[in-house]
Amino acid sequence: MALLRVSPTRMVLMDLKRRTKSAQRGHKLLKDKQDGLMQQFMSIIRTAKDVREKVETQVGEAFRAFLMASVWLTDTELKNALASPQAKIRLQVQTKNVMSVRIPLFTIEKEGNPLSYGFSGTNALLDHAIRAFDELFTVLIELAQIEKQAESMAIELETTRRRVNALEHKMIPDLKETVKYITMKLGEAERAGIIATMRIKASLEKQEK
C-alpha cells in the first residue's frame, strides 16, 4: 500500500471516497466477468479435448485406408486418380461476441465430388480413403475453430485477471489508505482548531475579568 500524492483537503477526501466506491464496483464486475470467462474457457477446453481425440482417431483411420488402397494400386494409377481434383472448399469466417470476447466461427462450403476420378482404374479402398480424408478435413476445421476460441478466451481471461489483481491489491488499498490518512489529518486539524479556539476564548475571558 502507498499513499497517493494529493492534498489532505475535504474536497480531495470526497473525491477519493467516490473513486474508492467506483473501484470497488468495478472490481466486483470484473470478478464476475472473470468467473464467467473461466466457466466458458473450461467448457471450450473440454470440447477441444473431445474434438482433438476425434481428429487423432480419424487421422489414423484415413491414413490406414489410404495405405490399404495404395497396396492395390500402382503409383501411376494413384497419380492419375488424384491429378485433377474437382471438389472445392470455401471457408467463411465470422465472429460472435461472448462476454466481450470476439471468438471466430468457421463455416465450410463444399462444391463438387471428391471422387472425381474414373472408377475403372481404381478400387473401393481408395474411395473409402478419399471420403475419410474429406471428413477429417471438416473435423480439423472444427478443431482449429475451437482452439482459436480457447486462445481468444485465454487472452481476455488473463487481461481480466490482471485488472482484478491491480484493483484488489494496488488501487483499492492505496485509495483506502489515503482516505484514512486524510481523515486523520483533517481530524487533527479540527482538534487543533478547537483547542486554539478554546485558548482564545479563555484568554478573552481572562482579560475581561
N, C-alpha and C. Protein backbone atom coordinates (compact mmCIF):
# COMPACT_ATOMS: atom_id res chain seq x y z
N MET A 1 0.84 -1.19 0.00
CA MET A 1 0.00 0.00 0.00
C MET A 1 0.88 1.24 0.00
N ALA A 2 0.38 2.28 -0.66
CA ALA A 2 1.12 3.53 -0.73
C ALA A 2 0.14 4.70 -0.75
N LEU A 3 0.55 5.78 -0.12
CA LEU A 3 -0.30 6.98 -0.11
C LEU A 3 -0.22 7.67 -1.47
N LEU A 4 -1.38 8.13 -1.94
CA LEU A 4 -1.42 8.90 -3.18
C LEU A 4 -0.95 10.32 -2.92
N ARG A 5 -0.33 10.92 -3.90
CA ARG A 5 0.18 12.28 -3.76
C ARG A 5 -0.95 13.27 -4.00
N VAL A 6 -1.68 13.57 -2.95
CA VAL A 6 -2.81 14.51 -3.03
C VAL A 6 -2.78 15.41 -1.80
N SER A 7 -3.48 16.53 -1.90
CA SER A 7 -3.58 17.45 -0.77
C SER A 7 -4.63 16.94 0.22
N PRO A 8 -4.35 16.97 1.51
CA PRO A 8 -5.31 16.47 2.52
C PRO A 8 -6.43 17.48 2.79
N THR A 9 -7.34 17.64 1.82
CA THR A 9 -8.47 18.56 1.97
C THR A 9 -9.76 17.78 1.92
N ARG A 10 -10.84 18.44 2.35
CA ARG A 10 -12.15 17.76 2.36
C ARG A 10 -12.63 17.45 0.94
N MET A 11 -12.36 18.36 0.00
CA MET A 11 -12.76 18.11 -1.38
C MET A 11 -12.04 16.88 -1.95
N VAL A 12 -10.75 16.79 -1.66
CA VAL A 12 -9.99 15.62 -2.11
C VAL A 12 -10.50 14.35 -1.43
N LEU A 13 -10.82 14.46 -0.15
CA LEU A 13 -11.34 13.31 0.58
C LEU A 13 -12.64 12.80 -0.03
N MET A 14 -13.55 13.70 -0.38
CA MET A 14 -14.81 13.31 -1.01
C MET A 14 -14.56 12.64 -2.36
N ASP A 15 -13.63 13.20 -3.12
CA ASP A 15 -13.31 12.63 -4.43
C ASP A 15 -12.71 11.23 -4.29
N LEU A 16 -11.83 11.06 -3.31
CA LEU A 16 -11.21 9.75 -3.10
C LEU A 16 -12.23 8.70 -2.64
N LYS A 17 -13.18 9.11 -1.81
CA LYS A 17 -14.23 8.18 -1.38
C LYS A 17 -15.08 7.75 -2.58
N ARG A 18 -15.37 8.72 -3.46
CA ARG A 18 -16.14 8.38 -4.66
C ARG A 18 -15.36 7.42 -5.56
N ARG A 19 -14.07 7.70 -5.72
CA ARG A 19 -13.23 6.83 -6.55
C ARG A 19 -13.11 5.43 -5.93
N THR A 20 -13.06 5.37 -4.61
CA THR A 20 -12.98 4.08 -3.94
C THR A 20 -14.22 3.24 -4.20
N LYS A 21 -15.40 3.87 -4.10
CA LYS A 21 -16.64 3.14 -4.37
C LYS A 21 -16.70 2.68 -5.83
N SER A 22 -16.26 3.54 -6.75
CA SER A 22 -16.26 3.16 -8.17
C SER A 22 -15.30 2.00 -8.42
N ALA A 23 -14.13 2.05 -7.77
CA ALA A 23 -13.16 0.98 -7.93
C ALA A 23 -13.70 -0.34 -7.37
N GLN A 24 -14.41 -0.27 -6.24
CA GLN A 24 -14.98 -1.49 -5.66
C GLN A 24 -16.07 -2.07 -6.54
N ARG A 25 -16.90 -1.19 -7.13
CA ARG A 25 -17.93 -1.68 -8.06
C ARG A 25 -17.27 -2.31 -9.29
N GLY A 26 -16.24 -1.62 -9.81
CA GLY A 26 -15.54 -2.15 -10.97
C GLY A 26 -14.88 -3.49 -10.67
N HIS A 27 -14.33 -3.62 -9.47
CA HIS A 27 -13.70 -4.87 -9.06
C HIS A 27 -14.71 -6.00 -9.03
N LYS A 28 -15.90 -5.74 -8.51
CA LYS A 28 -16.94 -6.77 -8.44
C LYS A 28 -17.37 -7.20 -9.85
N LEU A 29 -17.55 -6.21 -10.73
CA LEU A 29 -17.97 -6.53 -12.10
C LEU A 29 -16.90 -7.34 -12.81
N LEU A 30 -15.64 -6.94 -12.66
CA LEU A 30 -14.55 -7.67 -13.30
C LEU A 30 -14.39 -9.07 -12.71
N LYS A 31 -14.61 -9.20 -11.41
CA LYS A 31 -14.51 -10.52 -10.78
C LYS A 31 -15.61 -11.44 -11.32
N ASP A 32 -16.83 -10.90 -11.46
CA ASP A 32 -17.92 -11.69 -12.04
C ASP A 32 -17.59 -12.08 -13.48
N LYS A 33 -17.01 -11.12 -14.23
CA LYS A 33 -16.63 -11.41 -15.61
C LYS A 33 -15.55 -12.49 -15.64
N GLN A 34 -14.59 -12.40 -14.74
CA GLN A 34 -13.52 -13.39 -14.68
C GLN A 34 -14.09 -14.78 -14.41
N ASP A 35 -15.03 -14.88 -13.49
CA ASP A 35 -15.65 -16.18 -13.19
C ASP A 35 -16.41 -16.72 -14.40
N GLY A 36 -17.14 -15.82 -15.07
CA GLY A 36 -17.88 -16.24 -16.27
C GLY A 36 -16.94 -16.69 -17.39
N LEU A 37 -15.85 -15.94 -17.58
CA LEU A 37 -14.88 -16.31 -18.61
C LEU A 37 -14.24 -17.67 -18.30
N MET A 38 -13.97 -17.90 -17.04
CA MET A 38 -13.35 -19.17 -16.65
C MET A 38 -14.28 -20.34 -16.96
N GLN A 39 -15.57 -20.16 -16.69
CA GLN A 39 -16.54 -21.22 -16.99
C GLN A 39 -16.59 -21.49 -18.50
N GLN A 40 -16.65 -20.40 -19.29
CA GLN A 40 -16.67 -20.55 -20.75
C GLN A 40 -15.39 -21.20 -21.25
N PHE A 41 -14.26 -20.77 -20.69
CA PHE A 41 -12.96 -21.30 -21.10
C PHE A 41 -12.85 -22.79 -20.83
N MET A 42 -13.26 -23.21 -19.64
CA MET A 42 -13.18 -24.62 -19.28
C MET A 42 -14.11 -25.46 -20.17
N SER A 43 -15.27 -24.90 -20.50
CA SER A 43 -16.19 -25.61 -21.39
C SER A 43 -15.57 -25.80 -22.78
N ILE A 44 -14.92 -24.75 -23.29
CA ILE A 44 -14.26 -24.83 -24.60
C ILE A 44 -13.11 -25.83 -24.56
N ILE A 45 -12.35 -25.82 -23.46
CA ILE A 45 -11.22 -26.74 -23.33
C ILE A 45 -11.70 -28.20 -23.34
N ARG A 46 -12.81 -28.47 -22.64
CA ARG A 46 -13.34 -29.83 -22.64
C ARG A 46 -13.78 -30.25 -24.04
N THR A 47 -14.44 -29.31 -24.75
CA THR A 47 -14.87 -29.61 -26.12
C THR A 47 -13.66 -29.84 -27.02
N ALA A 48 -12.64 -28.99 -26.87
CA ALA A 48 -11.42 -29.12 -27.68
C ALA A 48 -10.76 -30.47 -27.45
N LYS A 49 -10.76 -30.93 -26.21
CA LYS A 49 -10.16 -32.24 -25.90
C LYS A 49 -10.89 -33.36 -26.64
N ASP A 50 -12.22 -33.30 -26.63
CA ASP A 50 -13.01 -34.33 -27.32
C ASP A 50 -12.76 -34.29 -28.83
N VAL A 51 -12.74 -33.08 -29.41
CA VAL A 51 -12.55 -32.95 -30.85
C VAL A 51 -11.13 -33.39 -31.23
N ARG A 52 -10.15 -33.06 -30.39
CA ARG A 52 -8.77 -33.47 -30.69
C ARG A 52 -8.63 -34.99 -30.69
N GLU A 53 -9.29 -35.65 -29.76
CA GLU A 53 -9.27 -37.12 -29.74
C GLU A 53 -9.94 -37.68 -31.00
N LYS A 54 -11.02 -37.01 -31.42
CA LYS A 54 -11.72 -37.44 -32.64
C LYS A 54 -10.81 -37.28 -33.85
N VAL A 55 -10.06 -36.15 -33.90
CA VAL A 55 -9.14 -35.91 -35.01
C VAL A 55 -8.06 -36.99 -35.05
N GLU A 56 -7.47 -37.28 -33.89
CA GLU A 56 -6.41 -38.28 -33.84
C GLU A 56 -6.90 -39.64 -34.32
N THR A 57 -8.14 -39.99 -33.95
CA THR A 57 -8.71 -41.27 -34.40
C THR A 57 -8.92 -41.27 -35.90
N GLN A 58 -9.50 -40.17 -36.43
CA GLN A 58 -9.80 -40.13 -37.86
C GLN A 58 -8.54 -40.01 -38.71
N VAL A 59 -7.51 -39.35 -38.19
CA VAL A 59 -6.24 -39.29 -38.93
C VAL A 59 -5.69 -40.70 -39.13
N GLY A 60 -5.69 -41.47 -38.06
CA GLY A 60 -5.20 -42.85 -38.16
C GLY A 60 -6.02 -43.67 -39.13
N GLU A 61 -7.34 -43.53 -39.06
CA GLU A 61 -8.21 -44.30 -39.95
C GLU A 61 -8.02 -43.89 -41.41
N ALA A 62 -7.89 -42.58 -41.66
CA ALA A 62 -7.74 -42.11 -43.03
C ALA A 62 -6.43 -42.59 -43.64
N PHE A 63 -5.34 -42.52 -42.90
CA PHE A 63 -4.06 -42.95 -43.43
C PHE A 63 -4.00 -44.47 -43.60
N ARG A 64 -4.64 -45.19 -42.69
CA ARG A 64 -4.70 -46.65 -42.86
C ARG A 64 -5.48 -47.01 -44.12
N ALA A 65 -6.60 -46.31 -44.35
CA ALA A 65 -7.41 -46.58 -45.53
C ALA A 65 -6.62 -46.26 -46.81
N PHE A 66 -5.87 -45.14 -46.79
CA PHE A 66 -5.09 -44.78 -47.98
C PHE A 66 -3.95 -45.77 -48.20
N LEU A 67 -3.36 -46.23 -47.11
CA LEU A 67 -2.29 -47.23 -47.24
C LEU A 67 -2.81 -48.52 -47.84
N MET A 68 -3.98 -48.94 -47.40
CA MET A 68 -4.59 -50.17 -47.95
C MET A 68 -4.90 -49.99 -49.44
N ALA A 69 -5.40 -48.80 -49.79
CA ALA A 69 -5.72 -48.55 -51.20
C ALA A 69 -4.46 -48.55 -52.06
N SER A 70 -3.37 -47.96 -51.53
CA SER A 70 -2.14 -47.86 -52.31
C SER A 70 -1.47 -49.22 -52.51
N VAL A 71 -1.79 -50.16 -51.64
CA VAL A 71 -1.23 -51.51 -51.80
C VAL A 71 -1.71 -52.15 -53.10
N TRP A 72 -2.97 -51.86 -53.46
CA TRP A 72 -3.59 -52.50 -54.64
C TRP A 72 -3.50 -51.66 -55.91
N LEU A 73 -2.90 -50.46 -55.78
CA LEU A 73 -2.77 -49.58 -56.94
C LEU A 73 -1.31 -49.20 -57.14
N THR A 74 -0.94 -49.03 -58.38
CA THR A 74 0.43 -48.58 -58.67
C THR A 74 0.53 -47.08 -58.43
N ASP A 75 1.76 -46.59 -58.38
CA ASP A 75 1.96 -45.15 -58.20
C ASP A 75 1.35 -44.35 -59.34
N THR A 76 1.45 -44.87 -60.54
CA THR A 76 0.88 -44.18 -61.71
C THR A 76 -0.63 -44.10 -61.61
N GLU A 77 -1.26 -45.20 -61.19
CA GLU A 77 -2.71 -45.20 -61.06
C GLU A 77 -3.17 -44.21 -59.98
N LEU A 78 -2.42 -44.14 -58.88
CA LEU A 78 -2.76 -43.18 -57.83
C LEU A 78 -2.61 -41.74 -58.31
N LYS A 79 -1.51 -41.46 -59.00
CA LYS A 79 -1.29 -40.11 -59.51
C LYS A 79 -2.37 -39.71 -60.51
N ASN A 80 -2.73 -40.61 -61.39
CA ASN A 80 -3.77 -40.31 -62.38
C ASN A 80 -5.12 -40.05 -61.71
N ALA A 81 -5.40 -40.85 -60.67
CA ALA A 81 -6.70 -40.71 -60.00
C ALA A 81 -6.80 -39.39 -59.24
N LEU A 82 -5.67 -38.93 -58.72
CA LEU A 82 -5.70 -37.72 -57.87
C LEU A 82 -5.17 -36.48 -58.58
N ALA A 83 -4.90 -36.59 -59.88
CA ALA A 83 -4.27 -35.48 -60.60
C ALA A 83 -5.21 -34.31 -60.86
N SER A 84 -6.50 -34.58 -61.02
CA SER A 84 -7.43 -33.50 -61.40
C SER A 84 -8.60 -33.45 -60.42
N PRO A 85 -8.39 -32.93 -59.24
CA PRO A 85 -9.49 -32.85 -58.26
C PRO A 85 -10.58 -31.88 -58.71
N GLN A 86 -11.82 -32.24 -58.50
CA GLN A 86 -12.96 -31.41 -58.89
C GLN A 86 -13.63 -30.73 -57.69
N ALA A 87 -13.38 -31.25 -56.53
CA ALA A 87 -14.04 -30.69 -55.34
C ALA A 87 -13.37 -29.39 -54.92
N LYS A 88 -14.18 -28.46 -54.44
CA LYS A 88 -13.69 -27.17 -53.95
C LYS A 88 -14.26 -26.91 -52.55
N ILE A 89 -13.47 -26.25 -51.75
CA ILE A 89 -13.90 -25.93 -50.39
C ILE A 89 -13.67 -24.44 -50.14
N ARG A 90 -14.67 -23.79 -49.61
CA ARG A 90 -14.55 -22.39 -49.20
C ARG A 90 -14.75 -22.30 -47.69
N LEU A 91 -13.93 -21.47 -47.08
CA LEU A 91 -14.03 -21.28 -45.64
C LEU A 91 -14.46 -19.86 -45.33
N GLN A 92 -15.59 -19.72 -44.68
CA GLN A 92 -16.08 -18.40 -44.26
C GLN A 92 -15.82 -18.23 -42.77
N VAL A 93 -15.34 -17.05 -42.43
CA VAL A 93 -15.01 -16.77 -41.04
C VAL A 93 -15.89 -15.62 -40.54
N GLN A 94 -16.61 -15.88 -39.47
CA GLN A 94 -17.41 -14.86 -38.81
C GLN A 94 -16.99 -14.81 -37.34
N THR A 95 -17.47 -13.82 -36.65
CA THR A 95 -17.16 -13.72 -35.21
C THR A 95 -18.44 -13.46 -34.44
N LYS A 96 -18.45 -13.89 -33.20
CA LYS A 96 -19.55 -13.56 -32.30
C LYS A 96 -18.97 -13.10 -30.97
N ASN A 97 -19.75 -12.30 -30.27
CA ASN A 97 -19.29 -11.71 -29.02
C ASN A 97 -19.77 -12.55 -27.85
N VAL A 98 -18.81 -13.05 -27.08
CA VAL A 98 -19.12 -13.83 -25.87
C VAL A 98 -18.41 -13.16 -24.70
N MET A 99 -19.18 -12.46 -23.85
CA MET A 99 -18.63 -11.79 -22.69
C MET A 99 -17.49 -10.84 -23.08
N SER A 100 -17.77 -10.02 -24.11
CA SER A 100 -16.81 -9.02 -24.62
C SER A 100 -15.61 -9.64 -25.33
N VAL A 101 -15.69 -10.92 -25.65
CA VAL A 101 -14.62 -11.58 -26.39
C VAL A 101 -15.15 -11.96 -27.77
N ARG A 102 -14.45 -11.52 -28.80
CA ARG A 102 -14.85 -11.87 -30.16
C ARG A 102 -14.18 -13.19 -30.54
N ILE A 103 -15.01 -14.22 -30.66
CA ILE A 103 -14.48 -15.55 -30.98
C ILE A 103 -14.89 -15.92 -32.41
N PRO A 104 -14.04 -16.66 -33.12
CA PRO A 104 -14.31 -16.97 -34.53
C PRO A 104 -15.30 -18.12 -34.70
N LEU A 105 -16.02 -18.05 -35.80
CA LEU A 105 -16.92 -19.13 -36.21
C LEU A 105 -16.59 -19.45 -37.66
N PHE A 106 -16.20 -20.69 -37.92
CA PHE A 106 -15.82 -21.13 -39.26
C PHE A 106 -16.98 -21.89 -39.90
N THR A 107 -17.24 -21.56 -41.15
CA THR A 107 -18.27 -22.27 -41.92
C THR A 107 -17.65 -22.79 -43.21
N ILE A 108 -17.85 -24.08 -43.47
CA ILE A 108 -17.27 -24.70 -44.67
C ILE A 108 -18.35 -24.85 -45.73
N GLU A 109 -18.00 -24.45 -46.95
CA GLU A 109 -18.88 -24.65 -48.11
C GLU A 109 -18.16 -25.56 -49.10
N LYS A 110 -18.76 -26.69 -49.40
CA LYS A 110 -18.14 -27.66 -50.30
C LYS A 110 -18.87 -27.68 -51.64
N GLU A 111 -18.08 -27.79 -52.70
CA GLU A 111 -18.65 -27.91 -54.05
C GLU A 111 -17.95 -29.07 -54.76
N GLY A 112 -18.70 -29.77 -55.56
CA GLY A 112 -18.12 -30.84 -56.36
C GLY A 112 -17.98 -32.14 -55.58
N ASN A 113 -17.59 -33.15 -56.31
CA ASN A 113 -17.46 -34.50 -55.74
C ASN A 113 -15.98 -34.83 -55.57
N PRO A 114 -15.55 -35.16 -54.36
CA PRO A 114 -14.13 -35.51 -54.19
C PRO A 114 -13.72 -36.76 -54.95
N LEU A 115 -14.71 -37.60 -55.28
CA LEU A 115 -14.42 -38.82 -56.06
C LEU A 115 -14.56 -38.49 -57.54
N SER A 116 -13.63 -37.69 -58.06
CA SER A 116 -13.75 -37.19 -59.43
C SER A 116 -13.00 -38.06 -60.45
N TYR A 117 -12.36 -39.10 -60.00
CA TYR A 117 -11.59 -39.95 -60.91
C TYR A 117 -12.48 -41.05 -61.48
N GLY A 118 -11.96 -41.69 -62.50
CA GLY A 118 -12.69 -42.81 -63.10
C GLY A 118 -12.58 -44.05 -62.23
N PHE A 119 -13.64 -44.79 -62.15
CA PHE A 119 -13.67 -45.97 -61.27
C PHE A 119 -13.00 -47.20 -61.89
N SER A 120 -12.73 -47.12 -63.19
CA SER A 120 -12.16 -48.32 -63.84
C SER A 120 -10.72 -48.57 -63.39
N GLY A 121 -9.95 -47.53 -63.12
CA GLY A 121 -8.56 -47.71 -62.76
C GLY A 121 -8.29 -47.62 -61.27
N THR A 122 -9.35 -47.63 -60.46
CA THR A 122 -9.19 -47.51 -59.00
C THR A 122 -9.98 -48.63 -58.32
N ASN A 123 -10.12 -48.51 -57.00
CA ASN A 123 -10.89 -49.51 -56.28
C ASN A 123 -11.67 -48.85 -55.13
N ALA A 124 -12.50 -49.64 -54.49
CA ALA A 124 -13.36 -49.12 -53.41
C ALA A 124 -12.54 -48.66 -52.21
N LEU A 125 -11.34 -49.24 -52.04
CA LEU A 125 -10.50 -48.84 -50.93
C LEU A 125 -10.07 -47.38 -51.06
N LEU A 126 -9.76 -46.95 -52.27
CA LEU A 126 -9.39 -45.56 -52.49
C LEU A 126 -10.59 -44.64 -52.25
N ASP A 127 -11.76 -45.07 -52.67
CA ASP A 127 -12.98 -44.28 -52.40
C ASP A 127 -13.15 -44.06 -50.90
N HIS A 128 -12.95 -45.13 -50.15
CA HIS A 128 -13.10 -45.04 -48.70
C HIS A 128 -12.05 -44.10 -48.10
N ALA A 129 -10.83 -44.15 -48.61
CA ALA A 129 -9.76 -43.29 -48.10
C ALA A 129 -10.06 -41.82 -48.40
N ILE A 130 -10.52 -41.52 -49.62
CA ILE A 130 -10.82 -40.14 -50.00
C ILE A 130 -11.96 -39.58 -49.14
N ARG A 131 -13.00 -40.39 -48.92
CA ARG A 131 -14.10 -39.95 -48.07
C ARG A 131 -13.62 -39.71 -46.63
N ALA A 132 -12.72 -40.57 -46.17
CA ALA A 132 -12.19 -40.42 -44.81
C ALA A 132 -11.42 -39.11 -44.67
N PHE A 133 -10.60 -38.77 -45.68
CA PHE A 133 -9.85 -37.51 -45.63
C PHE A 133 -10.78 -36.31 -45.76
N ASP A 134 -11.85 -36.46 -46.52
CA ASP A 134 -12.83 -35.38 -46.67
C ASP A 134 -13.50 -35.09 -45.32
N GLU A 135 -13.88 -36.14 -44.61
CA GLU A 135 -14.49 -35.98 -43.29
C GLU A 135 -13.47 -35.44 -42.28
N LEU A 136 -12.22 -35.90 -42.40
CA LEU A 136 -11.17 -35.45 -41.49
C LEU A 136 -10.93 -33.95 -41.63
N PHE A 137 -10.97 -33.45 -42.86
CA PHE A 137 -10.74 -32.02 -43.08
C PHE A 137 -11.79 -31.19 -42.34
N THR A 138 -13.03 -31.63 -42.38
CA THR A 138 -14.10 -30.92 -41.68
C THR A 138 -13.85 -30.88 -40.18
N VAL A 139 -13.42 -32.01 -39.63
CA VAL A 139 -13.15 -32.07 -38.20
C VAL A 139 -11.93 -31.22 -37.84
N LEU A 140 -10.94 -31.17 -38.73
CA LEU A 140 -9.76 -30.33 -38.48
C LEU A 140 -10.15 -28.85 -38.42
N ILE A 141 -11.05 -28.43 -39.29
CA ILE A 141 -11.53 -27.04 -39.25
C ILE A 141 -12.27 -26.77 -37.94
N GLU A 142 -13.06 -27.75 -37.51
CA GLU A 142 -13.76 -27.60 -36.23
C GLU A 142 -12.76 -27.46 -35.07
N LEU A 143 -11.70 -28.26 -35.11
CA LEU A 143 -10.68 -28.19 -34.06
C LEU A 143 -9.97 -26.84 -34.09
N ALA A 144 -9.65 -26.35 -35.29
CA ALA A 144 -8.99 -25.05 -35.42
C ALA A 144 -9.88 -23.94 -34.86
N GLN A 145 -11.18 -24.03 -35.13
CA GLN A 145 -12.12 -23.03 -34.61
C GLN A 145 -12.14 -23.04 -33.08
N ILE A 146 -12.24 -24.22 -32.50
CA ILE A 146 -12.33 -24.34 -31.04
C ILE A 146 -11.04 -23.87 -30.38
N GLU A 147 -9.90 -24.25 -30.96
CA GLU A 147 -8.62 -23.85 -30.35
C GLU A 147 -8.41 -22.35 -30.47
N LYS A 148 -8.85 -21.74 -31.55
CA LYS A 148 -8.76 -20.28 -31.69
C LYS A 148 -9.68 -19.60 -30.69
N GLN A 149 -10.87 -20.18 -30.47
CA GLN A 149 -11.77 -19.64 -29.45
C GLN A 149 -11.12 -19.72 -28.07
N ALA A 150 -10.49 -20.84 -27.79
CA ALA A 150 -9.81 -21.01 -26.50
C ALA A 150 -8.69 -19.99 -26.33
N GLU A 151 -7.94 -19.75 -27.41
CA GLU A 151 -6.85 -18.77 -27.36
C GLU A 151 -7.38 -17.37 -27.07
N SER A 152 -8.44 -16.97 -27.79
CA SER A 152 -9.02 -15.64 -27.57
C SER A 152 -9.57 -15.50 -26.15
N MET A 153 -10.22 -16.55 -25.67
CA MET A 153 -10.77 -16.54 -24.32
C MET A 153 -9.65 -16.47 -23.27
N ALA A 154 -8.57 -17.19 -23.51
CA ALA A 154 -7.45 -17.19 -22.56
C ALA A 154 -6.80 -15.82 -22.47
N ILE A 155 -6.66 -15.13 -23.61
CA ILE A 155 -6.07 -13.78 -23.62
C ILE A 155 -6.94 -12.82 -22.82
N GLU A 156 -8.25 -12.88 -23.05
CA GLU A 156 -9.17 -11.99 -22.32
C GLU A 156 -9.20 -12.35 -20.84
N LEU A 157 -9.12 -13.63 -20.54
CA LEU A 157 -9.13 -14.07 -19.14
C LEU A 157 -7.90 -13.55 -18.40
N GLU A 158 -6.74 -13.61 -19.04
CA GLU A 158 -5.51 -13.12 -18.42
C GLU A 158 -5.56 -11.61 -18.22
N THR A 159 -6.09 -10.89 -19.23
CA THR A 159 -6.23 -9.44 -19.11
C THR A 159 -7.15 -9.07 -17.97
N THR A 160 -8.26 -9.77 -17.86
CA THR A 160 -9.22 -9.51 -16.78
C THR A 160 -8.62 -9.84 -15.42
N ARG A 161 -7.87 -10.93 -15.35
CA ARG A 161 -7.23 -11.33 -14.09
C ARG A 161 -6.26 -10.25 -13.61
N ARG A 162 -5.49 -9.68 -14.53
CA ARG A 162 -4.54 -8.63 -14.17
C ARG A 162 -5.26 -7.38 -13.67
N ARG A 163 -6.37 -7.05 -14.31
CA ARG A 163 -7.14 -5.88 -13.87
C ARG A 163 -7.73 -6.10 -12.48
N VAL A 164 -8.25 -7.30 -12.26
CA VAL A 164 -8.80 -7.63 -10.95
C VAL A 164 -7.73 -7.52 -9.87
N ASN A 165 -6.56 -8.09 -10.16
CA ASN A 165 -5.46 -8.05 -9.19
C ASN A 165 -4.97 -6.63 -8.94
N ALA A 166 -4.92 -5.82 -10.01
CA ALA A 166 -4.47 -4.43 -9.85
C ALA A 166 -5.44 -3.65 -8.96
N LEU A 167 -6.73 -3.87 -9.15
CA LEU A 167 -7.72 -3.19 -8.31
C LEU A 167 -7.68 -3.72 -6.88
N GLU A 168 -7.60 -5.03 -6.75
CA GLU A 168 -7.71 -5.66 -5.43
C GLU A 168 -6.47 -5.44 -4.57
N HIS A 169 -5.29 -5.49 -5.19
CA HIS A 169 -4.05 -5.45 -4.41
C HIS A 169 -3.30 -4.13 -4.48
N LYS A 170 -3.72 -3.23 -5.39
CA LYS A 170 -2.99 -1.97 -5.52
C LYS A 170 -3.91 -0.75 -5.39
N MET A 171 -4.82 -0.60 -6.34
CA MET A 171 -5.60 0.64 -6.41
C MET A 171 -6.50 0.83 -5.20
N ILE A 172 -7.32 -0.18 -4.89
CA ILE A 172 -8.27 -0.03 -3.78
C ILE A 172 -7.55 0.13 -2.44
N PRO A 173 -6.52 -0.69 -2.13
CA PRO A 173 -5.79 -0.46 -0.87
C PRO A 173 -5.14 0.92 -0.79
N ASP A 174 -4.59 1.40 -1.90
CA ASP A 174 -3.97 2.74 -1.89
C ASP A 174 -5.01 3.83 -1.64
N LEU A 175 -6.17 3.68 -2.26
CA LEU A 175 -7.25 4.66 -2.06
C LEU A 175 -7.72 4.65 -0.61
N LYS A 176 -7.92 3.46 -0.07
CA LYS A 176 -8.38 3.35 1.32
C LYS A 176 -7.34 3.92 2.29
N GLU A 177 -6.09 3.62 2.06
CA GLU A 177 -5.02 4.13 2.93
C GLU A 177 -4.94 5.65 2.87
N THR A 178 -5.11 6.21 1.67
CA THR A 178 -5.07 7.67 1.51
C THR A 178 -6.28 8.32 2.17
N VAL A 179 -7.47 7.69 2.02
CA VAL A 179 -8.67 8.21 2.69
C VAL A 179 -8.47 8.20 4.20
N LYS A 180 -7.91 7.12 4.70
CA LYS A 180 -7.64 7.01 6.14
C LYS A 180 -6.67 8.10 6.60
N TYR A 181 -5.62 8.32 5.82
CA TYR A 181 -4.60 9.33 6.16
C TYR A 181 -5.20 10.74 6.17
N ILE A 182 -5.97 11.06 5.10
CA ILE A 182 -6.56 12.40 5.02
C ILE A 182 -7.58 12.60 6.14
N THR A 183 -8.38 11.57 6.44
CA THR A 183 -9.34 11.66 7.54
C THR A 183 -8.63 11.95 8.85
N MET A 184 -7.50 11.27 9.07
CA MET A 184 -6.72 11.50 10.29
C MET A 184 -6.17 12.93 10.32
N LYS A 185 -5.64 13.39 9.19
CA LYS A 185 -5.09 14.75 9.13
C LYS A 185 -6.16 15.80 9.36
N LEU A 186 -7.33 15.60 8.76
CA LEU A 186 -8.42 16.56 8.95
C LEU A 186 -8.90 16.54 10.40
N GLY A 187 -8.92 15.35 11.00
CA GLY A 187 -9.30 15.25 12.41
C GLY A 187 -8.32 15.98 13.30
N GLU A 188 -7.03 15.81 13.01
CA GLU A 188 -6.01 16.52 13.80
C GLU A 188 -6.16 18.02 13.64
N ALA A 189 -6.41 18.46 12.40
CA ALA A 189 -6.57 19.89 12.16
C ALA A 189 -7.81 20.43 12.88
N GLU A 190 -8.88 19.63 12.88
CA GLU A 190 -10.11 20.06 13.56
C GLU A 190 -9.90 20.16 15.06
N ARG A 191 -9.21 19.16 15.62
CA ARG A 191 -8.93 19.20 17.07
C ARG A 191 -8.01 20.37 17.41
N ALA A 192 -7.03 20.61 16.54
CA ALA A 192 -6.12 21.75 16.77
C ALA A 192 -6.89 23.06 16.71
N GLY A 193 -7.86 23.14 15.81
CA GLY A 193 -8.68 24.35 15.71
C GLY A 193 -9.55 24.55 16.93
N ILE A 194 -10.10 23.44 17.45
CA ILE A 194 -10.94 23.53 18.65
C ILE A 194 -10.10 23.98 19.85
N ILE A 195 -8.91 23.40 19.96
CA ILE A 195 -8.02 23.78 21.08
C ILE A 195 -7.62 25.25 20.97
N ALA A 196 -7.30 25.69 19.75
CA ALA A 196 -6.92 27.10 19.56
C ALA A 196 -8.08 28.02 19.90
N THR A 197 -9.29 27.61 19.52
CA THR A 197 -10.48 28.42 19.83
C THR A 197 -10.71 28.48 21.34
N MET A 198 -10.53 27.36 22.00
CA MET A 198 -10.71 27.33 23.46
C MET A 198 -9.67 28.21 24.16
N ARG A 199 -8.45 28.22 23.65
CA ARG A 199 -7.42 29.05 24.25
C ARG A 199 -7.73 30.54 24.06
N ILE A 200 -8.18 30.89 22.86
CA ILE A 200 -8.53 32.29 22.60
C ILE A 200 -9.69 32.71 23.50
N LYS A 201 -10.68 31.82 23.62
CA LYS A 201 -11.84 32.12 24.46
C LYS A 201 -11.41 32.30 25.92
N ALA A 202 -10.54 31.40 26.37
CA ALA A 202 -10.05 31.50 27.76
C ALA A 202 -9.25 32.78 27.96
N SER A 203 -8.46 33.15 26.95
CA SER A 203 -7.67 34.37 27.07
C SER A 203 -8.57 35.61 27.13
N LEU A 204 -9.63 35.60 26.31
CA LEU A 204 -10.55 36.75 26.32
C LEU A 204 -11.30 36.84 27.64
N GLU A 205 -11.72 35.68 28.14
CA GLU A 205 -12.43 35.68 29.43
C GLU A 205 -11.49 36.20 30.54
N LYS A 206 -10.23 35.83 30.47
CA LYS A 206 -9.27 36.27 31.49
C LYS A 206 -9.06 37.77 31.43
N GLN A 207 -9.02 38.32 30.18
CA GLN A 207 -8.84 39.76 30.01
C GLN A 207 -10.06 40.51 30.53
N GLU A 208 -11.25 39.96 30.33
CA GLU A 208 -12.47 40.61 30.80
C GLU A 208 -12.50 40.69 32.31
N LYS A 209 -12.01 39.64 32.98
CA LYS A 209 -12.00 39.63 34.45
C LYS A 209 -10.98 40.63 34.97
